[in-house]
Amino acid sequence: DSSYSLKKIKLDPGDILLLYTDGFTESRNNKNQEFQESGLIKALKKHSNLPAQKLICAIFDELESFTQEEPPFDDRTIIIIKRTT
């Protein structure tokens, strides 16, 4: 069983909220190295100027480049909310 709590946060213009499943950060390449949160953060920073939908695509492209098309062992899900104004 999981326990969740309600939180309120304020997003200022330019802020990005990123939600992801562990299957994303635990994806491995052919050297058995994980993408990790550091890989996700690096990809997010690299493409943060893009609109949310294109940002999602760019991050998935970075993951595919890292994993060298190794098949996923778990779901890979990300949700991005980007405040523009």
PDB file of N, CA and C in Angstrom:
ATOM      1  N   ASP A   1       0.831  -1.184   0.000  1.00  0.00           N
ATOM      2  CA  ASP A   1       0.000   0.000   0.000  1.00  0.00           C
ATOM      3  C   ASP A   1       0.874   1.245   0.000  1.00  0.00           C
ATOM      4  N   SER A   2       0.412   2.229  -0.733  1.00  0.00           N
ATOM      5  CA  SER A   2       1.119   3.507  -0.803  1.00  0.00           C
ATOM      6  C   SER A   2       0.358   4.567  -0.043  1.00  0.00           C
ATOM      7  N   SER A   3       1.089   5.524   0.455  1.00  0.00           N
ATOM      8  CA  SER A   3       0.485   6.638   1.170  1.00  0.00           C
ATOM      9  C   SER A   3       0.889   7.928   0.469  1.00  0.00           C
ATOM     10  N   TYR A   4      -0.083   8.784   0.214  1.00  0.00           N
ATOM     11  CA  TYR A   4       0.180  10.037  -0.478  1.00  0.00           C
ATOM     12  C   TYR A   4      -0.335  11.194   0.352  1.00  0.00           C
ATOM     13  N   SER A   5       0.300  12.334   0.198  1.00  0.00           N
ATOM     14  CA  SER A   5      -0.164  13.536   0.882  1.00  0.00           C
ATOM     15  C   SER A   5      -0.366  14.637  -0.152  1.00  0.00           C
ATOM     16  N   LEU A   6      -1.226  15.569   0.177  1.00  0.00           N
ATOM     17  CA  LEU A   6      -1.540  16.684  -0.700  1.00  0.00           C
ATOM     18  C   LEU A   6      -0.568  17.824  -0.435  1.00  0.00           C
ATOM     19  N   LYS A   7       0.027  18.342  -1.488  1.00  0.00           N
ATOM     20  CA  LYS A   7       0.966  19.460  -1.377  1.00  0.00           C
ATOM     21  C   LYS A   7       0.578  20.518  -2.398  1.00  0.00           C
ATOM     22  N   LYS A   8       0.804  21.764  -2.047  1.00  0.00           N
ATOM     23  CA  LYS A   8       0.621  22.863  -2.982  1.00  0.00           C
ATOM     24  C   LYS A   8       1.984  23.466  -3.266  1.00  0.00           C
ATOM     25  N   ILE A   9       2.227  23.727  -4.541  1.00  0.00           N
ATOM     26  CA  ILE A   9       3.451  24.408  -4.929  1.00  0.00           C
ATOM     27  C   ILE A   9       3.086  25.531  -5.895  1.00  0.00           C
ATOM     28  N   LYS A  10       3.920  26.537  -5.937  1.00  0.00           N
ATOM     29  CA  LYS A  10       3.712  27.644  -6.858  1.00  0.00           C
ATOM     30  C   LYS A  10       4.743  27.527  -7.968  1.00  0.00           C
ATOM     31  N   LEU A  11       4.261  27.510  -9.195  1.00  0.00           N
ATOM     32  CA  LEU A  11       5.156  27.510 -10.338  1.00  0.00           C
ATOM     33  C   LEU A  11       5.254  28.930 -10.878  1.00  0.00           C
ATOM     34  N   ASP A  12       6.458  29.435 -10.924  1.00  0.00           N
ATOM     35  CA  ASP A  12       6.699  30.753 -11.496  1.00  0.00           C
ATOM     36  C   ASP A  12       6.923  30.615 -12.999  1.00  0.00           C
ATOM     37  N   PRO A  13       6.765  31.702 -13.750  1.00  0.00           N
ATOM     38  CA  PRO A  13       7.039  31.622 -15.188  1.00  0.00           C
ATOM     39  C   PRO A  13       8.428  31.041 -15.453  1.00  0.00           C
ATOM     40  N   GLY A  14       8.466  30.068 -16.355  1.00  0.00           N
ATOM     41  CA  GLY A  14       9.719  29.394 -16.682  1.00  0.00           C
ATOM     42  C   GLY A  14       9.967  28.127 -15.888  1.00  0.00           C
ATOM     43  N   ASP A  15       9.200  27.898 -14.810  1.00  0.00           N
ATOM     44  CA  ASP A  15       9.368  26.686 -14.004  1.00  0.00           C
ATOM     45  C   ASP A  15       8.845  25.463 -14.754  1.00  0.00           C
ATOM     46  N   ILE A  16       9.457  24.323 -14.468  1.00  0.00           N
ATOM     47  CA  ILE A  16       9.061  23.055 -15.067  1.00  0.00           C
ATOM     48  C   ILE A  16       8.847  22.047 -13.947  1.00  0.00           C
ATOM     49  N   LEU A  17       7.705  21.379 -13.973  1.00  0.00           N
ATOM     50  CA  LEU A  17       7.421  20.286 -13.048  1.00  0.00           C
ATOM     51  C   LEU A  17       7.517  18.995 -13.844  1.00  0.00           C
ATOM     52  N   LEU A  18       8.370  18.083 -13.401  1.00  0.00           N
ATOM     53  CA  LEU A  18       8.607  16.821 -14.096  1.00  0.00           C
ATOM     54  C   LEU A  18       8.243  15.670 -13.173  1.00  0.00           C
ATOM     55  N   LEU A  19       7.342  14.816 -13.622  1.00  0.00           N
ATOM     56  CA  LEU A  19       6.965  13.603 -12.902  1.00  0.00           C
ATOM     57  C   LEU A  19       7.385  12.421 -13.769  1.00  0.00           C
ATOM     58  N   TYR A  20       7.932  11.383 -13.144  1.00  0.00           N
ATOM     59  CA  TYR A  20       8.411  10.248 -13.926  1.00  0.00           C
ATOM     60  C   TYR A  20       8.333   8.959 -13.122  1.00  0.00           C
ATOM     61  N   THR A  21       8.280   7.845 -13.838  1.00  0.00           N
ATOM     62  CA  THR A  21       8.305   6.535 -13.191  1.00  0.00           C
ATOM     63  C   THR A  21       9.753   6.059 -13.082  1.00  0.00           C
ATOM     64  N   ASP A  22       9.986   5.143 -12.169  1.00  0.00           N
ATOM     65  CA  ASP A  22      11.349   4.648 -11.967  1.00  0.00           C
ATOM     66  C   ASP A  22      11.864   3.861 -13.165  1.00  0.00           C
ATOM     67  N   GLY A  23      10.974   3.384 -14.005  1.00  0.00           N
ATOM     68  CA  GLY A  23      11.409   2.694 -15.213  1.00  0.00           C
ATOM     69  C   GLY A  23      12.202   3.602 -16.137  1.00  0.00           C
ATOM     70  N   PHE A  24      11.977   4.898 -16.009  1.00  0.00           N
ATOM     71  CA  PHE A  24      12.708   5.860 -16.828  1.00  0.00           C
ATOM     72  C   PHE A  24      14.150   5.982 -16.339  1.00  0.00           C
ATOM     73  N   THR A  25      14.329   6.256 -15.060  1.00  0.00           N
ATOM     74  CA  THR A  25      15.677   6.465 -14.519  1.00  0.00           C
ATOM     75  C   THR A  25      16.460   5.162 -14.349  1.00  0.00           C
ATOM     76  N   GLU A  26      15.757   4.038 -14.264  1.00  0.00           N
ATOM     77  CA  GLU A  26      16.426   2.746 -14.097  1.00  0.00           C
ATOM     78  C   GLU A  26      16.682   2.041 -15.429  1.00  0.00           C
ATOM     79  N   SER A  27      16.376   2.701 -16.536  1.00  0.00           N
ATOM     80  CA  SER A  27      16.669   2.130 -17.855  1.00  0.00           C
ATOM     81  C   SER A  27      18.174   1.961 -17.993  1.00  0.00           C
ATOM     82  N   ARG A  28      18.576   0.864 -18.611  1.00  0.00           N
ATOM     83  CA  ARG A  28      19.996   0.522 -18.705  1.00  0.00           C
ATOM     84  C   ARG A  28      20.466   0.461 -20.151  1.00  0.00           C
ATOM     85  N   ASN A  29      21.756   0.734 -20.323  1.00  0.00           N
ATOM     86  CA  ASN A  29      22.357   0.581 -21.644  1.00  0.00           C
ATOM     87  C   ASN A  29      23.008  -0.800 -21.741  1.00  0.00           C
ATOM     88  N   ASN A  30      23.694  -1.057 -22.854  1.00  0.00           N
ATOM     89  CA  ASN A  30      24.294  -2.384 -23.043  1.00  0.00           C
ATOM     90  C   ASN A  30      25.522  -2.620 -22.165  1.00  0.00           C
ATOM     91  N   LYS A  31      25.937  -1.598 -21.390  1.00  0.00           N
ATOM     92  CA  LYS A  31      27.019  -1.760 -20.410  1.00  0.00           C
ATOM     93  C   LYS A  31      26.454  -1.913 -19.005  1.00  0.00           C
ATOM     94  N   ASN A  32      25.130  -2.090 -18.927  1.00  0.00           N
ATOM     95  CA  ASN A  32      24.400  -2.271 -17.667  1.00  0.00           C
ATOM     96  C   ASN A  32      24.448  -1.026 -16.774  1.00  0.00           C
ATOM     97  N   GLN A  33      24.638   0.150 -17.381  1.00  0.00           N
ATOM     98  CA  GLN A  33      24.633   1.411 -16.641  1.00  0.00           C
ATOM     99  C   GLN A  33      23.226   1.997 -16.675  1.00  0.00           C
ATOM    100  N   GLU A  34      22.773   2.538 -15.539  1.00  0.00           N
ATOM    101  CA  GLU A  34      21.450   3.155 -15.466  1.00  0.00           C
ATOM    102  C   GLU A  34      21.490   4.599 -15.954  1.00  0.00           C
ATOM    103  N   PHE A  35      20.372   5.041 -16.529  1.00  0.00           N
ATOM    104  CA  PHE A  35      20.213   6.432 -16.961  1.00  0.00           C
ATOM    105  C   PHE A  35      20.245   7.356 -15.751  1.00  0.00           C
ATOM    106  N   GLN A  36      19.631   6.965 -14.666  1.00  0.00           N
ATOM    107  CA  GLN A  36      19.594   7.641 -13.370  1.00  0.00           C
ATOM    108  C   GLN A  36      18.952   9.023 -13.449  1.00  0.00           C
ATOM    109  N   GLU A  37      18.720   9.587 -12.270  1.00  0.00           N
ATOM    110  CA  GLU A  37      18.162  10.940 -12.196  1.00  0.00           C
ATOM    111  C   GLU A  37      19.114  11.947 -12.824  1.00  0.00           C
ATOM    112  N   SER A  38      20.404  11.702 -12.703  1.00  0.00           N
ATOM    113  CA  SER A  38      21.374  12.647 -13.268  1.00  0.00           C
ATOM    114  C   SER A  38      21.240  12.734 -14.786  1.00  0.00           C
ATOM    115  N   GLY A  39      20.972  11.622 -15.444  1.00  0.00           N
ATOM    116  CA  GLY A  39      20.757  11.636 -16.891  1.00  0.00           C
ATOM    117  C   GLY A  39      19.486  12.363 -17.267  1.00  0.00           C
ATOM    118  N   LEU A  40      18.455  12.178 -16.453  1.00  0.00           N
ATOM    119  CA  LEU A  40      17.183  12.859 -16.687  1.00  0.00           C
ATOM    120  C   LEU A  40      17.335  14.366 -16.494  1.00  0.00           C
ATOM    121  N   ILE A  41      18.013  14.765 -15.428  1.00  0.00           N
ATOM    122  CA  ILE A  41      18.227  16.191 -15.160  1.00  0.00           C
ATOM    123  C   ILE A  41      19.076  16.821 -16.267  1.00  0.00           C
ATOM    124  N   LYS A  42      20.103  16.129 -16.702  1.00  0.00           N
ATOM    125  CA  LYS A  42      20.958  16.639 -17.781  1.00  0.00           C
ATOM    126  C   LYS A  42      20.142  16.858 -19.059  1.00  0.00           C
ATOM    127  N   ALA A  43      19.299  15.892 -19.405  1.00  0.00           N
ATOM    128  CA  ALA A  43      18.455  16.015 -20.599  1.00  0.00           C
ATOM    129  C   ALA A  43      17.450  17.148 -20.443  1.00  0.00           C
ATOM    130  N   LEU A  44      16.876  17.282 -19.254  1.00  0.00           N
ATOM    131  CA  LEU A  44      15.911  18.354 -18.990  1.00  0.00           C
ATOM    132  C   LEU A  44      16.572  19.721 -19.151  1.00  0.00           C
ATOM    133  N   LYS A  45      17.739  19.888 -18.573  1.00  0.00           N
ATOM    134  CA  LYS A  45      18.447  21.170 -18.686  1.00  0.00           C
ATOM    135  C   LYS A  45      18.840  21.467 -20.133  1.00  0.00           C
ATOM    136  N   LYS A  46      19.272  20.451 -20.844  1.00  0.00           N
ATOM    137  CA  LYS A  46      19.715  20.618 -22.232  1.00  0.00           C
ATOM    138  C   LYS A  46      18.589  21.115 -23.133  1.00  0.00           C
ATOM    139  N   HIS A  47      17.357  20.662 -22.874  1.00  0.00           N
ATOM    140  CA  HIS A  47      16.233  20.956 -23.767  1.00  0.00           C
ATOM    141  C   HIS A  47      15.148  21.808 -23.112  1.00  0.00           C
ATOM    142  N   SER A  48      15.450  22.457 -22.000  1.00  0.00           N
ATOM    143  CA  SER A  48      14.425  23.171 -21.226  1.00  0.00           C
ATOM    144  C   SER A  48      13.780  24.336 -21.973  1.00  0.00           C
ATOM    145  N   ASN A  49      14.395  24.787 -23.046  1.00  0.00           N
ATOM    146  CA  ASN A  49      13.825  25.895 -23.818  1.00  0.00           C
ATOM    147  C   ASN A  49      12.664  25.456 -24.715  1.00  0.00           C
ATOM    148  N   LEU A  50      12.470  24.160 -24.889  1.00  0.00           N
ATOM    149  CA  LEU A  50      11.419  23.647 -25.770  1.00  0.00           C
ATOM    150  C   LEU A  50      10.049  23.689 -25.099  1.00  0.00           C
ATOM    151  N   PRO A  51       8.973  23.757 -25.902  1.00  0.00           N
ATOM    152  CA  PRO A  51       7.626  23.597 -25.336  1.00  0.00           C
ATOM    153  C   PRO A  51       7.493  22.208 -24.702  1.00  0.00           C
ATOM    154  N   ALA A  52       6.556  22.049 -23.790  1.00  0.00           N
ATOM    155  CA  ALA A  52       6.431  20.818 -22.995  1.00  0.00           C
ATOM    156  C   ALA A  52       6.391  19.549 -23.848  1.00  0.00           C
ATOM    157  N   GLN A  53       5.557  19.504 -24.887  1.00  0.00           N
ATOM    158  CA  GLN A  53       5.441  18.287 -25.696  1.00  0.00           C
ATOM    159  C   GLN A  53       6.750  17.955 -26.402  1.00  0.00           C
ATOM    160  N   LYS A  54       7.413  18.961 -26.945  1.00  0.00           N
ATOM    161  CA  LYS A  54       8.696  18.723 -27.616  1.00  0.00           C
ATOM    162  C   LYS A  54       9.782  18.377 -26.606  1.00  0.00           C
ATOM    163  N   LEU A  55       9.681  18.909 -25.409  1.00  0.00           N
ATOM    164  CA  LEU A  55      10.624  18.587 -24.340  1.00  0.00           C
ATOM    165  C   LEU A  55      10.526  17.110 -23.976  1.00  0.00           C
ATOM    166  N   ILE A  56       9.305  16.605 -23.881  1.00  0.00           N
ATOM    167  CA  ILE A  56       9.106  15.174 -23.608  1.00  0.00           C
ATOM    168  C   ILE A  56       9.776  14.337 -24.696  1.00  0.00           C
ATOM    169  N   CYS A  57       9.538  14.686 -25.958  1.00  0.00           N
ATOM    170  CA  CYS A  57      10.139  13.941 -27.070  1.00  0.00           C
ATOM    171  C   CYS A  57      11.667  13.995 -27.016  1.00  0.00           C
ATOM    172  N   ALA A  58      12.215  15.160 -26.718  1.00  0.00           N
ATOM    173  CA  ALA A  58      13.673  15.311 -26.655  1.00  0.00           C
ATOM    174  C   ALA A  58      14.272  14.477 -25.522  1.00  0.00           C
ATOM    175  N   ILE A  59      13.593  14.426 -24.387  1.00  0.00           N
ATOM    176  CA  ILE A  59      14.089  13.624 -23.264  1.00  0.00           C
ATOM    177  C   ILE A  59      14.037  12.139 -23.614  1.00  0.00           C
ATOM    178  N   PHE A  60      12.954  11.707 -24.268  1.00  0.00           N
ATOM    179  CA  PHE A  60      12.886  10.310 -24.707  1.00  0.00           C
ATOM    180  C   PHE A  60      13.986  10.007 -25.727  1.00  0.00           C
ATOM    181  N   ASP A  61      14.289  10.953 -26.614  1.00  0.00           N
ATOM    182  CA  ASP A  61      15.382  10.758 -27.570  1.00  0.00           C
ATOM    183  C   ASP A  61      16.717  10.596 -26.848  1.00  0.00           C
ATOM    184  N   GLU A  62      16.940  11.394 -25.806  1.00  0.00           N
ATOM    185  CA  GLU A  62      18.168  11.268 -25.007  1.00  0.00           C
ATOM    186  C   GLU A  62      18.240   9.890 -24.343  1.00  0.00           C
ATOM    187  N   LEU A  63      17.103   9.418 -23.839  1.00  0.00           N
ATOM    188  CA  LEU A  63      17.067   8.095 -23.209  1.00  0.00           C
ATOM    189  C   LEU A  63      17.372   7.005 -24.231  1.00  0.00           C
ATOM    190  N   GLU A  64      16.758   7.094 -25.407  1.00  0.00           N
ATOM    191  CA  GLU A  64      17.003   6.093 -26.452  1.00  0.00           C
ATOM    192  C   GLU A  64      18.469   6.099 -26.885  1.00  0.00           C
ATOM    193  N   SER A  65      19.060   7.279 -26.966  1.00  0.00           N
ATOM    194  CA  SER A  65      20.472   7.379 -27.318  1.00  0.00           C
ATOM    195  C   SER A  65      21.341   6.716 -26.247  1.00  0.00           C
ATOM    196  N   PHE A  66      20.982   6.914 -24.983  1.00  0.00           N
ATOM    197  CA  PHE A  66      21.733   6.324 -23.873  1.00  0.00           C
ATOM    198  C   PHE A  66      21.590   4.804 -23.844  1.00  0.00           C
ATOM    199  N   THR A  67      20.364   4.321 -23.983  1.00  0.00           N
ATOM    200  CA  THR A  67      20.122   2.877 -23.865  1.00  0.00           C
ATOM    201  C   THR A  67      20.520   2.122 -25.120  1.00  0.00           C
ATOM    202  N   GLN A  68      20.823   2.861 -26.182  1.00  0.00           N
ATOM    203  CA  GLN A  68      21.229   2.245 -27.447  1.00  0.00           C
ATOM    204  C   GLN A  68      20.217   1.193 -27.880  1.00  0.00           C
ATOM    205  N   GLU A  69      18.949   1.558 -27.695  1.00  0.00           N
ATOM    206  CA  GLU A  69      17.805   0.743 -28.101  1.00  0.00           C
ATOM    207  C   GLU A  69      17.705  -0.589 -27.355  1.00  0.00           C
ATOM    208  N   GLU A  70      18.305  -0.664 -26.162  1.00  0.00           N
ATOM    209  CA  GLU A  70      18.071  -1.823 -25.300  1.00  0.00           C
ATOM    210  C   GLU A  70      16.582  -1.836 -24.949  1.00  0.00           C
ATOM    211  N   PRO A  71      15.940  -2.982 -24.941  1.00  0.00           N
ATOM    212  CA  PRO A  71      14.504  -3.012 -24.649  1.00  0.00           C
ATOM    213  C   PRO A  71      14.221  -2.618 -23.196  1.00  0.00           C
ATOM    214  N   PRO A  72      13.125  -1.891 -22.969  1.00  0.00           N
ATOM    215  CA  PRO A  72      12.777  -1.508 -21.596  1.00  0.00           C
ATOM    216  C   PRO A  72      12.327  -2.720 -20.787  1.00  0.00           C
ATOM    217  N   PHE A  73      12.661  -2.729 -19.509  1.00  0.00           N
ATOM    218  CA  PHE A  73      12.216  -3.794 -18.619  1.00  0.00           C
ATOM    219  C   PHE A  73      11.032  -3.339 -17.776  1.00  0.00           C
ATOM    220  N   ASP A  74      10.697  -2.062 -17.855  1.00  0.00           N
ATOM    221  CA  ASP A  74       9.616  -1.476 -17.056  1.00  0.00           C
ATOM    222  C   ASP A  74       9.024  -0.328 -17.865  1.00  0.00           C
ATOM    223  N   ASP A  75       7.887   0.188 -17.395  1.00  0.00           N
ATOM    224  CA  ASP A  75       7.293   1.314 -18.117  1.00  0.00           C
ATOM    225  C   ASP A  75       8.188   2.539 -18.010  1.00  0.00           C
ATOM    226  N   ARG A  76       8.142   3.361 -19.033  1.00  0.00           N
ATOM    227  CA  ARG A  76       8.895   4.619 -19.071  1.00  0.00           C
ATOM    228  C   ARG A  76       7.884   5.737 -19.286  1.00  0.00           C
ATOM    229  N   THR A  77       7.555   6.408 -18.209  1.00  0.00           N
ATOM    230  CA  THR A  77       6.529   7.441 -18.276  1.00  0.00           C
ATOM    231  C   THR A  77       7.053   8.740 -17.691  1.00  0.00           C
ATOM    232  N   ILE A  78       6.828   9.839 -18.408  1.00  0.00           N
ATOM    233  CA  ILE A  78       7.121  11.161 -17.858  1.00  0.00           C
ATOM    234  C   ILE A  78       5.951  12.089 -18.160  1.00  0.00           C
ATOM    235  N   ILE A  79       5.710  12.992 -17.238  1.00  0.00           N
ATOM    236  CA  ILE A  79       4.710  14.043 -17.394  1.00  0.00           C
ATOM    237  C   ILE A  79       5.426  15.360 -17.125  1.00  0.00           C
ATOM    238  N   ILE A  80       5.240  16.317 -18.010  1.00  0.00           N
ATOM    239  CA  ILE A  80       5.869  17.626 -17.839  1.00  0.00           C
ATOM    240  C   ILE A  80       4.799  18.702 -17.825  1.00  0.00           C
ATOM    241  N   ILE A  81       4.890  19.570 -16.826  1.00  0.00           N
ATOM    242  CA  ILE A  81       4.063  20.768 -16.753  1.00  0.00           C
ATOM    243  C   ILE A  81       5.030  21.941 -16.769  1.00  0.00           C
ATOM    244  N   LYS A  82       4.838  22.828 -17.733  1.00  0.00           N
ATOM    245  CA  LYS A  82       5.751  23.957 -17.896  1.00  0.00           C
ATOM    246  C   LYS A  82       4.944  25.251 -17.858  1.00  0.00           C
ATOM    247  N   ARG A  83       5.282  26.111 -16.928  1.00  0.00           N
ATOM    248  CA  ARG A  83       4.592  27.398 -16.842  1.00  0.00           C
ATOM    249  C   ARG A  83       5.312  28.389 -17.742  1.00  0.00           C
ATOM    250  N   THR A  84       4.562  28.960 -18.663  1.00  0.00           N
ATOM    251  CA  THR A  84       5.162  29.883 -19.621  1.00  0.00           C
ATOM    252  C   THR A  84       4.895  31.339 -19.283  1.00  0.00           C
ATOM    253  N   THR A  85       3.775  31.635 -18.632  1.00  0.00           N
ATOM    254  CA  THR A  85       3.470  33.034 -18.288  1.00  0.00           C
ATOM    255  C   THR A  85       3.021  33.140 -16.854  1.00  0.00           C
TER     256      THR A  85
END
